């Protein structure tokens, strides 16, 4: 095990690596493969129960935040931020 070194400012030094196999895949292929792998590993079809959904009530109690943004709006905001940040538009 390698310890995580601290930078001079007290922050943890880190890097993020996006590891792939040099062959881009479609998202639905990834999702399908993941479902199949989980089903095989667990002996059948996976049923996701409510306990695995986001716990919005706990977030609201702890920090006073209540998420209200739809996935469509959130992804649009993200896409616009991403394009602006990387100067794509």
PDB file of N, CA and C in Angstrom:
ATOM      1  N   UNK A   1       0.845  -1.168   0.000  1.00  0.00           N
ATOM      2  CA  UNK A   1       0.000   0.000   0.000  1.00  0.00           C
ATOM      3  C   UNK A   1       0.894   1.235   0.000  1.00  0.00           C
ATOM      4  N   UNK A   2       0.553   2.176  -0.820  1.00  0.00           N
ATOM      5  CA  UNK A   2       1.325   3.414  -0.929  1.00  0.00           C
ATOM      6  C   UNK A   2       0.554   4.514  -0.218  1.00  0.00           C
ATOM      7  N   UNK A   3       1.220   5.246   0.658  1.00  0.00           N
ATOM      8  CA  UNK A   3       0.538   6.342   1.342  1.00  0.00           C
ATOM      9  C   UNK A   3       0.350   7.504   0.374  1.00  0.00           C
ATOM     10  N   UNK A   4      -0.656   8.307   0.639  1.00  0.00           N
ATOM     11  CA  UNK A   4      -0.937   9.466  -0.200  1.00  0.00           C
ATOM     12  C   UNK A   4      -0.142  10.654   0.319  1.00  0.00           C
ATOM     13  N   UNK A   5       0.793  11.169  -0.472  1.00  0.00           N
ATOM     14  CA  UNK A   5       1.611  12.296  -0.005  1.00  0.00           C
ATOM     15  C   UNK A   5       0.806  13.589   0.033  1.00  0.00           C
ATOM     16  N   UNK A   6       1.161  14.449   0.959  1.00  0.00           N
ATOM     17  CA  UNK A   6       0.530  15.762   1.027  1.00  0.00           C
ATOM     18  C   UNK A   6       1.341  16.757   0.217  1.00  0.00           C
ATOM     19  N   UNK A   7       0.631  17.655  -0.445  1.00  0.00           N
ATOM     20  CA  UNK A   7       1.317  18.757  -1.112  1.00  0.00           C
ATOM     21  C   UNK A   7       1.735  19.752  -0.034  1.00  0.00           C
ATOM     22  N   UNK A   8       2.537  20.716  -0.402  1.00  0.00           N
ATOM     23  CA  UNK A   8       3.012  21.703   0.557  1.00  0.00           C
ATOM     24  C   UNK A   8       1.914  22.511   1.218  1.00  0.00           C
ATOM     25  N   UNK A   9       0.764  22.653   0.555  1.00  0.00           N
ATOM     26  CA  UNK A   9      -0.315  23.470   1.105  1.00  0.00           C
ATOM     27  C   UNK A   9      -1.270  22.666   1.983  1.00  0.00           C
ATOM     28  N   UNK A  10      -0.921  21.422   2.305  1.00  0.00           N
ATOM     29  CA  UNK A  10      -1.771  20.589   3.154  1.00  0.00           C
ATOM     30  C   UNK A  10      -2.799  19.776   2.390  1.00  0.00           C
ATOM     31  N   UNK A  11      -2.964  20.065   1.116  1.00  0.00           N
ATOM     32  CA  UNK A  11      -3.898  19.309   0.289  1.00  0.00           C
ATOM     33  C   UNK A  11      -3.286  17.969  -0.092  1.00  0.00           C
ATOM     34  N   UNK A  12      -4.131  16.996  -0.346  1.00  0.00           N
ATOM     35  CA  UNK A  12      -3.652  15.688  -0.781  1.00  0.00           C
ATOM     36  C   UNK A  12      -3.294  15.765  -2.259  1.00  0.00           C
ATOM     37  N   UNK A  13      -2.088  15.341  -2.596  1.00  0.00           N
ATOM     38  CA  UNK A  13      -1.681  15.289  -4.002  1.00  0.00           C
ATOM     39  C   UNK A  13      -2.449  14.153  -4.662  1.00  0.00           C
ATOM     40  N   UNK A  14      -2.984  14.398  -5.827  1.00  0.00           N
ATOM     41  CA  UNK A  14      -3.754  13.353  -6.496  1.00  0.00           C
ATOM     42  C   UNK A  14      -3.744  13.557  -7.999  1.00  0.00           C
ATOM     43  N   UNK A  15      -4.110  12.518  -8.700  1.00  0.00           N
ATOM     44  CA  UNK A  15      -4.326  12.550 -10.140  1.00  0.00           C
ATOM     45  C   UNK A  15      -5.535  11.683 -10.436  1.00  0.00           C
ATOM     46  N   UNK A  16      -6.239  12.023 -11.488  1.00  0.00           N
ATOM     47  CA  UNK A  16      -7.366  11.219 -11.940  1.00  0.00           C
ATOM     48  C   UNK A  16      -6.982  10.613 -13.278  1.00  0.00           C
ATOM     49  N   UNK A  17      -7.125   9.302 -13.414  1.00  0.00           N
ATOM     50  CA  UNK A  17      -6.811   8.612 -14.654  1.00  0.00           C
ATOM     51  C   UNK A  17      -8.085   8.023 -15.237  1.00  0.00           C
ATOM     52  N   UNK A  18      -8.361   8.307 -16.491  1.00  0.00           N
ATOM     53  CA  UNK A  18      -9.471   7.693 -17.209  1.00  0.00           C
ATOM     54  C   UNK A  18      -8.869   6.538 -17.997  1.00  0.00           C
ATOM     55  N   UNK A  19      -9.011   5.330 -17.472  1.00  0.00           N
ATOM     56  CA  UNK A  19      -8.351   4.165 -18.055  1.00  0.00           C
ATOM     57  C   UNK A  19      -9.302   3.470 -19.018  1.00  0.00           C
ATOM     58  N   UNK A  20      -8.833   3.214 -20.224  1.00  0.00           N
ATOM     59  CA  UNK A  20      -9.632   2.511 -21.225  1.00  0.00           C
ATOM     60  C   UNK A  20      -8.792   1.476 -21.927  1.00  0.00           C
ATOM     61  N   UNK A  21      -9.357   0.920 -22.998  1.00  0.00           N
ATOM     62  CA  UNK A  21      -8.619  -0.108 -23.744  1.00  0.00           C
ATOM     63  C   UNK A  21      -8.295   0.362 -25.159  1.00  0.00           C
ATOM     64  N   UNK A  22      -8.258   1.679 -25.363  1.00  0.00           N
ATOM     65  CA  UNK A  22      -7.971   2.280 -26.668  1.00  0.00           C
ATOM     66  C   UNK A  22      -8.998   1.924 -27.723  1.00  0.00           C
ATOM     67  N   UNK A  23     -10.201   1.581 -27.290  1.00  0.00           N
ATOM     68  CA  UNK A  23     -11.285   1.257 -28.209  1.00  0.00           C
ATOM     69  C   UNK A  23     -12.579   1.838 -27.641  1.00  0.00           C
ATOM     70  N   UNK A  24     -12.995   3.022 -28.114  1.00  0.00           N
ATOM     71  CA  UNK A  24     -14.211   3.641 -27.586  1.00  0.00           C
ATOM     72  C   UNK A  24     -15.418   2.710 -27.735  1.00  0.00           C
ATOM     73  N   UNK A  25     -16.282   2.725 -26.734  1.00  0.00           N
ATOM     74  CA  UNK A  25     -17.478   1.886 -26.735  1.00  0.00           C
ATOM     75  C   UNK A  25     -18.713   2.762 -26.592  1.00  0.00           C
ATOM     76  N   UNK A  26     -19.818   2.290 -27.109  1.00  0.00           N
ATOM     77  CA  UNK A  26     -21.101   2.973 -26.949  1.00  0.00           C
ATOM     78  C   UNK A  26     -21.579   2.779 -25.512  1.00  0.00           C
ATOM     79  N   UNK A  27     -22.248   3.778 -24.959  1.00  0.00           N
ATOM     80  CA  UNK A  27     -22.726   3.713 -23.585  1.00  0.00           C
ATOM     81  C   UNK A  27     -23.669   2.534 -23.369  1.00  0.00           C
ATOM     82  N   UNK A  28     -24.592   2.293 -24.307  1.00  0.00           N
ATOM     83  CA  UNK A  28     -25.542   1.196 -24.126  1.00  0.00           C
ATOM     84  C   UNK A  28     -24.833  -0.154 -24.126  1.00  0.00           C
ATOM     85  N   UNK A  29     -23.737  -0.293 -24.860  1.00  0.00           N
ATOM     86  CA  UNK A  29     -22.970  -1.541 -24.823  1.00  0.00           C
ATOM     87  C   UNK A  29     -22.380  -1.735 -23.432  1.00  0.00           C
ATOM     88  N   UNK A  30     -21.875  -0.658 -22.843  1.00  0.00           N
ATOM     89  CA  UNK A  30     -21.327  -0.709 -21.495  1.00  0.00           C
ATOM     90  C   UNK A  30     -22.409  -1.093 -20.487  1.00  0.00           C
ATOM     91  N   UNK A  31     -23.559  -0.444 -20.579  1.00  0.00           N
ATOM     92  CA  UNK A  31     -24.652  -0.719 -19.638  1.00  0.00           C
ATOM     93  C   UNK A  31     -25.119  -2.164 -19.762  1.00  0.00           C
ATOM     94  N   UNK A  32     -25.290  -2.639 -21.000  1.00  0.00           N
ATOM     95  CA  UNK A  32     -25.721  -4.021 -21.225  1.00  0.00           C
ATOM     96  C   UNK A  32     -24.701  -5.008 -20.669  1.00  0.00           C
ATOM     97  N   UNK A  33     -23.423  -4.769 -20.932  1.00  0.00           N
ATOM     98  CA  UNK A  33     -22.372  -5.660 -20.431  1.00  0.00           C
ATOM     99  C   UNK A  33     -22.341  -5.662 -18.905  1.00  0.00           C
ATOM    100  N   UNK A  34     -22.539  -4.499 -18.302  1.00  0.00           N
ATOM    101  CA  UNK A  34     -22.537  -4.415 -16.843  1.00  0.00           C
ATOM    102  C   UNK A  34     -23.723  -5.176 -16.257  1.00  0.00           C
ATOM    103  N   UNK A  35     -24.900  -5.022 -16.854  1.00  0.00           N
ATOM    104  CA  UNK A  35     -26.078  -5.760 -16.389  1.00  0.00           C
ATOM    105  C   UNK A  35     -25.854  -7.262 -16.488  1.00  0.00           C
ATOM    106  N   UNK A  36     -25.285  -7.713 -17.604  1.00  0.00           N
ATOM    107  CA  UNK A  36     -25.027  -9.142 -17.787  1.00  0.00           C
ATOM    108  C   UNK A  36     -24.013  -9.647 -16.768  1.00  0.00           C
ATOM    109  N   UNK A  37     -22.948  -8.890 -16.553  1.00  0.00           N
ATOM    110  CA  UNK A  37     -21.918  -9.302 -15.599  1.00  0.00           C
ATOM    111  C   UNK A  37     -22.486  -9.388 -14.185  1.00  0.00           C
ATOM    112  N   UNK A  38     -23.273  -8.399 -13.797  1.00  0.00           N
ATOM    113  CA  UNK A  38     -23.878  -8.423 -12.468  1.00  0.00           C
ATOM    114  C   UNK A  38     -24.842  -9.590 -12.332  1.00  0.00           C
ATOM    115  N   UNK A  39     -25.646  -9.809 -13.378  1.00  0.00           N
ATOM    116  CA  UNK A  39     -26.592 -10.923 -13.353  1.00  0.00           C
ATOM    117  C   UNK A  39     -25.882 -12.257 -13.228  1.00  0.00           C
ATOM    118  N   UNK A  40     -24.803 -12.442 -13.981  1.00  0.00           N
ATOM    119  CA  UNK A  40     -24.032 -13.686 -13.917  1.00  0.00           C
ATOM    120  C   UNK A  40     -23.379 -13.855 -12.550  1.00  0.00           C
ATOM    121  N   UNK A  41     -22.796 -12.792 -12.032  1.00  0.00           N
ATOM    122  CA  UNK A  41     -22.087 -12.870 -10.754  1.00  0.00           C
ATOM    123  C   UNK A  41     -23.041 -13.143  -9.596  1.00  0.00           C
ATOM    124  N   UNK A  42     -24.266 -12.664  -9.723  1.00  0.00           N
ATOM    125  CA  UNK A  42     -25.209 -12.799  -8.616  1.00  0.00           C
ATOM    126  C   UNK A  42     -26.243 -13.891  -8.866  1.00  0.00           C
ATOM    127  N   UNK A  43     -26.087 -14.620  -9.958  1.00  0.00           N
ATOM    128  CA  UNK A  43     -26.954 -15.767 -10.195  1.00  0.00           C
ATOM    129  C   UNK A  43     -28.327 -15.457 -10.748  1.00  0.00           C
ATOM    130  N   UNK A  44     -28.506 -14.344 -11.393  1.00  0.00           N
ATOM    131  CA  UNK A  44     -29.802 -14.031 -11.990  1.00  0.00           C
ATOM    132  C   UNK A  44     -29.954 -12.553 -12.250  1.00  0.00           C
ATOM    133  N   UNK A  45     -31.163 -12.187 -12.661  1.00  0.00           N
ATOM    134  CA  UNK A  45     -31.449 -10.788 -12.967  1.00  0.00           C
ATOM    135  C   UNK A  45     -31.343  -9.947 -11.698  1.00  0.00           C
ATOM    136  N   UNK A  46     -30.781  -8.773 -11.841  1.00  0.00           N
ATOM    137  CA  UNK A  46     -30.594  -7.880 -10.700  1.00  0.00           C
ATOM    138  C   UNK A  46     -31.816  -6.991 -10.563  1.00  0.00           C
ATOM    139  N   UNK A  47     -32.382  -6.963  -9.370  1.00  0.00           N
ATOM    140  CA  UNK A  47     -33.489  -6.062  -9.085  1.00  0.00           C
ATOM    141  C   UNK A  47     -32.972  -4.996  -8.130  1.00  0.00           C
ATOM    142  N   UNK A  48     -32.948  -3.761  -8.597  1.00  0.00           N
ATOM    143  CA  UNK A  48     -32.475  -2.679  -7.745  1.00  0.00           C
ATOM    144  C   UNK A  48     -33.615  -2.236  -6.845  1.00  0.00           C
ATOM    145  N   UNK A  49     -33.362  -2.272  -5.568  1.00  0.00           N
ATOM    146  CA  UNK A  49     -34.374  -1.928  -4.578  1.00  0.00           C
ATOM    147  C   UNK A  49     -34.243  -0.461  -4.189  1.00  0.00           C
ATOM    148  N   UNK A  50     -35.278   0.043  -3.552  1.00  0.00           N
ATOM    149  CA  UNK A  50     -35.340   1.447  -3.174  1.00  0.00           C
ATOM    150  C   UNK A  50     -34.142   1.895  -2.341  1.00  0.00           C
ATOM    151  N   UNK A  51     -33.559   1.002  -1.519  1.00  0.00           N
ATOM    152  CA  UNK A  51     -32.453   1.446  -0.692  1.00  0.00           C
ATOM    153  C   UNK A  51     -31.244   1.898  -1.490  1.00  0.00           C
ATOM    154  N   UNK A  52     -31.187   1.568  -2.760  1.00  0.00           N
ATOM    155  CA  UNK A  52     -30.052   1.977  -3.586  1.00  0.00           C
ATOM    156  C   UNK A  52     -30.301   3.297  -4.310  1.00  0.00           C
ATOM    157  N   UNK A  53     -31.467   3.866  -4.137  1.00  0.00           N
ATOM    158  CA  UNK A  53     -31.771   5.151  -4.755  1.00  0.00           C
ATOM    159  C   UNK A  53     -31.162   6.262  -3.901  1.00  0.00           C
ATOM    160  N   UNK A  54     -30.992   7.447  -4.480  1.00  0.00           N
ATOM    161  CA  UNK A  54     -30.435   8.554  -3.692  1.00  0.00           C
ATOM    162  C   UNK A  54     -31.265   8.822  -2.437  1.00  0.00           C
ATOM    163  N   UNK A  55     -30.607   9.166  -1.365  1.00  0.00           N
ATOM    164  CA  UNK A  55     -31.283   9.418  -0.092  1.00  0.00           C
ATOM    165  C   UNK A  55     -31.449  10.928   0.055  1.00  0.00           C
ATOM    166  N   UNK A  56     -32.391  11.494  -0.700  1.00  0.00           N
ATOM    167  CA  UNK A  56     -32.572  12.937  -0.729  1.00  0.00           C
ATOM    168  C   UNK A  56     -33.023  13.498   0.611  1.00  0.00           C
ATOM    169  N   UNK A  57     -33.832  12.730   1.348  1.00  0.00           N
ATOM    170  CA  UNK A  57     -34.303  13.225   2.638  1.00  0.00           C
ATOM    171  C   UNK A  57     -33.127  13.454   3.592  1.00  0.00           C
ATOM    172  N   UNK A  58     -32.158  12.538   3.581  1.00  0.00           N
ATOM    173  CA  UNK A  58     -30.992  12.649   4.462  1.00  0.00           C
ATOM    174  C   UNK A  58     -30.151  13.873   4.093  1.00  0.00           C
ATOM    175  N   UNK A  59     -29.973  14.113   2.791  1.00  0.00           N
ATOM    176  CA  UNK A  59     -29.220  15.290   2.339  1.00  0.00           C
ATOM    177  C   UNK A  59     -29.923  16.557   2.804  1.00  0.00           C
ATOM    178  N   UNK A  60     -31.253  16.576   2.657  1.00  0.00           N
ATOM    179  CA  UNK A  60     -32.016  17.751   3.050  1.00  0.00           C
ATOM    180  C   UNK A  60     -31.910  17.981   4.560  1.00  0.00           C
ATOM    181  N   UNK A  61     -32.004  16.908   5.354  1.00  0.00           N
ATOM    182  CA  UNK A  61     -31.874  17.039   6.807  1.00  0.00           C
ATOM    183  C   UNK A  61     -30.484  17.529   7.203  1.00  0.00           C
ATOM    184  N   UNK A  62     -29.448  16.948   6.598  1.00  0.00           N
ATOM    185  CA  UNK A  62     -28.071  17.241   7.003  1.00  0.00           C
ATOM    186  C   UNK A  62     -27.572  18.602   6.549  1.00  0.00           C
ATOM    187  N   UNK A  63     -27.871  18.988   5.312  1.00  0.00           N
ATOM    188  CA  UNK A  63     -27.304  20.235   4.786  1.00  0.00           C
ATOM    189  C   UNK A  63     -28.339  21.215   4.246  1.00  0.00           C
ATOM    190  N   UNK A  64     -29.615  20.863   4.321  1.00  0.00           N
ATOM    191  CA  UNK A  64     -30.652  21.780   3.870  1.00  0.00           C
ATOM    192  C   UNK A  64     -30.797  21.878   2.366  1.00  0.00           C
ATOM    193  N   UNK A  65     -30.264  20.911   1.630  1.00  0.00           N
ATOM    194  CA  UNK A  65     -30.326  20.929   0.168  1.00  0.00           C
ATOM    195  C   UNK A  65     -31.405  19.976  -0.310  1.00  0.00           C
ATOM    196  N   UNK A  66     -32.269  20.453  -1.201  1.00  0.00           N
ATOM    197  CA  UNK A  66     -33.308  19.609  -1.782  1.00  0.00           C
ATOM    198  C   UNK A  66     -33.143  19.630  -3.298  1.00  0.00           C
ATOM    199  N   UNK A  67     -32.660  18.529  -3.898  1.00  0.00           N
ATOM    200  CA  UNK A  67     -32.467  18.501  -5.345  1.00  0.00           C
ATOM    201  C   UNK A  67     -33.802  18.569  -6.079  1.00  0.00           C
ATOM    202  N   UNK A  68     -33.867  19.438  -7.075  1.00  0.00           N
ATOM    203  CA  UNK A  68     -35.100  19.601  -7.841  1.00  0.00           C
ATOM    204  C   UNK A  68     -34.857  19.640  -9.343  1.00  0.00           C
ATOM    205  N   UNK A  69     -33.619  19.483  -9.770  1.00  0.00           N
ATOM    206  CA  UNK A  69     -33.272  19.578 -11.186  1.00  0.00           C
ATOM    207  C   UNK A  69     -33.492  18.241 -11.877  1.00  0.00           C
ATOM    208  N   UNK A  70     -34.186  18.254 -13.025  1.00  0.00           N
ATOM    209  CA  UNK A  70     -34.389  17.018 -13.790  1.00  0.00           C
ATOM    210  C   UNK A  70     -33.073  16.597 -14.433  1.00  0.00           C
ATOM    211  N   UNK A  71     -32.978  15.333 -14.798  1.00  0.00           N
ATOM    212  CA  UNK A  71     -31.751  14.842 -15.433  1.00  0.00           C
ATOM    213  C   UNK A  71     -31.508  15.553 -16.763  1.00  0.00           C
ATOM    214  N   UNK A  72     -32.587  15.859 -17.497  1.00  0.00           N
ATOM    215  CA  UNK A  72     -32.431  16.546 -18.786  1.00  0.00           C
ATOM    216  C   UNK A  72     -31.838  17.938 -18.593  1.00  0.00           C
ATOM    217  N   UNK A  73     -32.378  18.683 -17.634  1.00  0.00           N
ATOM    218  CA  UNK A  73     -31.880  20.036 -17.373  1.00  0.00           C
ATOM    219  C   UNK A  73     -30.461  19.981 -16.810  1.00  0.00           C
ATOM    220  N   UNK A  74     -30.209  19.073 -15.878  1.00  0.00           N
ATOM    221  CA  UNK A  74     -28.878  18.943 -15.293  1.00  0.00           C
ATOM    222  C   UNK A  74     -27.825  18.606 -16.326  1.00  0.00           C
ATOM    223  N   UNK A  75     -28.147  17.675 -17.225  1.00  0.00           N
ATOM    224  CA  UNK A  75     -27.190  17.309 -18.272  1.00  0.00           C
ATOM    225  C   UNK A  75     -26.975  18.449 -19.261  1.00  0.00           C
ATOM    226  N   UNK A  76     -28.024  19.209 -19.556  1.00  0.00           N
ATOM    227  CA  UNK A  76     -27.876  20.369 -20.435  1.00  0.00           C
ATOM    228  C   UNK A  76     -26.964  21.406 -19.785  1.00  0.00           C
ATOM    229  N   UNK A  77     -27.171  21.678 -18.499  1.00  0.00           N
ATOM    230  CA  UNK A  77     -26.299  22.625 -17.785  1.00  0.00           C
ATOM    231  C   UNK A  77     -24.859  22.132 -17.805  1.00  0.00           C
ATOM    232  N   UNK A  78     -24.667  20.835 -17.540  1.00  0.00           N
ATOM    233  CA  UNK A  78     -23.314  20.278 -17.547  1.00  0.00           C
ATOM    234  C   UNK A  78     -22.680  20.413 -18.929  1.00  0.00           C
ATOM    235  N   UNK A  79     -23.433  20.063 -19.984  1.00  0.00           N
ATOM    236  CA  UNK A  79     -22.901  20.127 -21.347  1.00  0.00           C
ATOM    237  C   UNK A  79     -22.495  21.555 -21.697  1.00  0.00           C
ATOM    238  N   UNK A  80     -23.319  22.526 -21.320  1.00  0.00           N
ATOM    239  CA  UNK A  80     -22.989  23.929 -21.582  1.00  0.00           C
ATOM    240  C   UNK A  80     -21.754  24.364 -20.797  1.00  0.00           C
ATOM    241  N   UNK A  81     -21.675  23.960 -19.516  1.00  0.00           N
ATOM    242  CA  UNK A  81     -20.495  24.286 -18.711  1.00  0.00           C
ATOM    243  C   UNK A  81     -19.251  23.661 -19.340  1.00  0.00           C
ATOM    244  N   UNK A  82     -19.338  22.398 -19.721  1.00  0.00           N
ATOM    245  CA  UNK A  82     -18.203  21.672 -20.294  1.00  0.00           C
ATOM    246  C   UNK A  82     -17.711  22.359 -21.566  1.00  0.00           C
ATOM    247  N   UNK A  83     -18.655  22.692 -22.463  1.00  0.00           N
ATOM    248  CA  UNK A  83     -18.291  23.347 -23.722  1.00  0.00           C
ATOM    249  C   UNK A  83     -17.650  24.707 -23.461  1.00  0.00           C
ATOM    250  N   UNK A  84     -18.181  25.441 -22.485  1.00  0.00           N
ATOM    251  CA  UNK A  84     -17.619  26.746 -22.151  1.00  0.00           C
ATOM    252  C   UNK A  84     -16.239  26.598 -21.500  1.00  0.00           C
ATOM    253  N   UNK A  85     -16.116  25.681 -20.560  1.00  0.00           N
ATOM    254  CA  UNK A  85     -14.857  25.480 -19.838  1.00  0.00           C
ATOM    255  C   UNK A  85     -13.728  25.079 -20.779  1.00  0.00           C
ATOM    256  N   UNK A  86     -14.027  24.170 -21.705  1.00  0.00           N
ATOM    257  CA  UNK A  86     -13.007  23.704 -22.642  1.00  0.00           C
ATOM    258  C   UNK A  86     -13.006  24.500 -23.947  1.00  0.00           C
ATOM    259  N   UNK A  87     -13.759  25.598 -23.968  1.00  0.00           N
ATOM    260  CA  UNK A  87     -13.813  26.516 -25.115  1.00  0.00           C
ATOM    261  C   UNK A  87     -14.120  25.768 -26.416  1.00  0.00           C
ATOM    262  N   UNK A  88     -15.147  24.915 -26.354  1.00  0.00           N
ATOM    263  CA  UNK A  88     -15.535  24.106 -27.509  1.00  0.00           C
ATOM    264  C   UNK A  88     -16.491  24.868 -28.417  1.00  0.00           C
ATOM    265  N   UNK A  89     -17.345  25.732 -27.861  1.00  0.00           N
ATOM    266  CA  UNK A  89     -18.291  26.471 -28.692  1.00  0.00           C
ATOM    267  C   UNK A  89     -17.638  27.704 -29.268  1.00  0.00           C
TER     268      UNK A  89
END
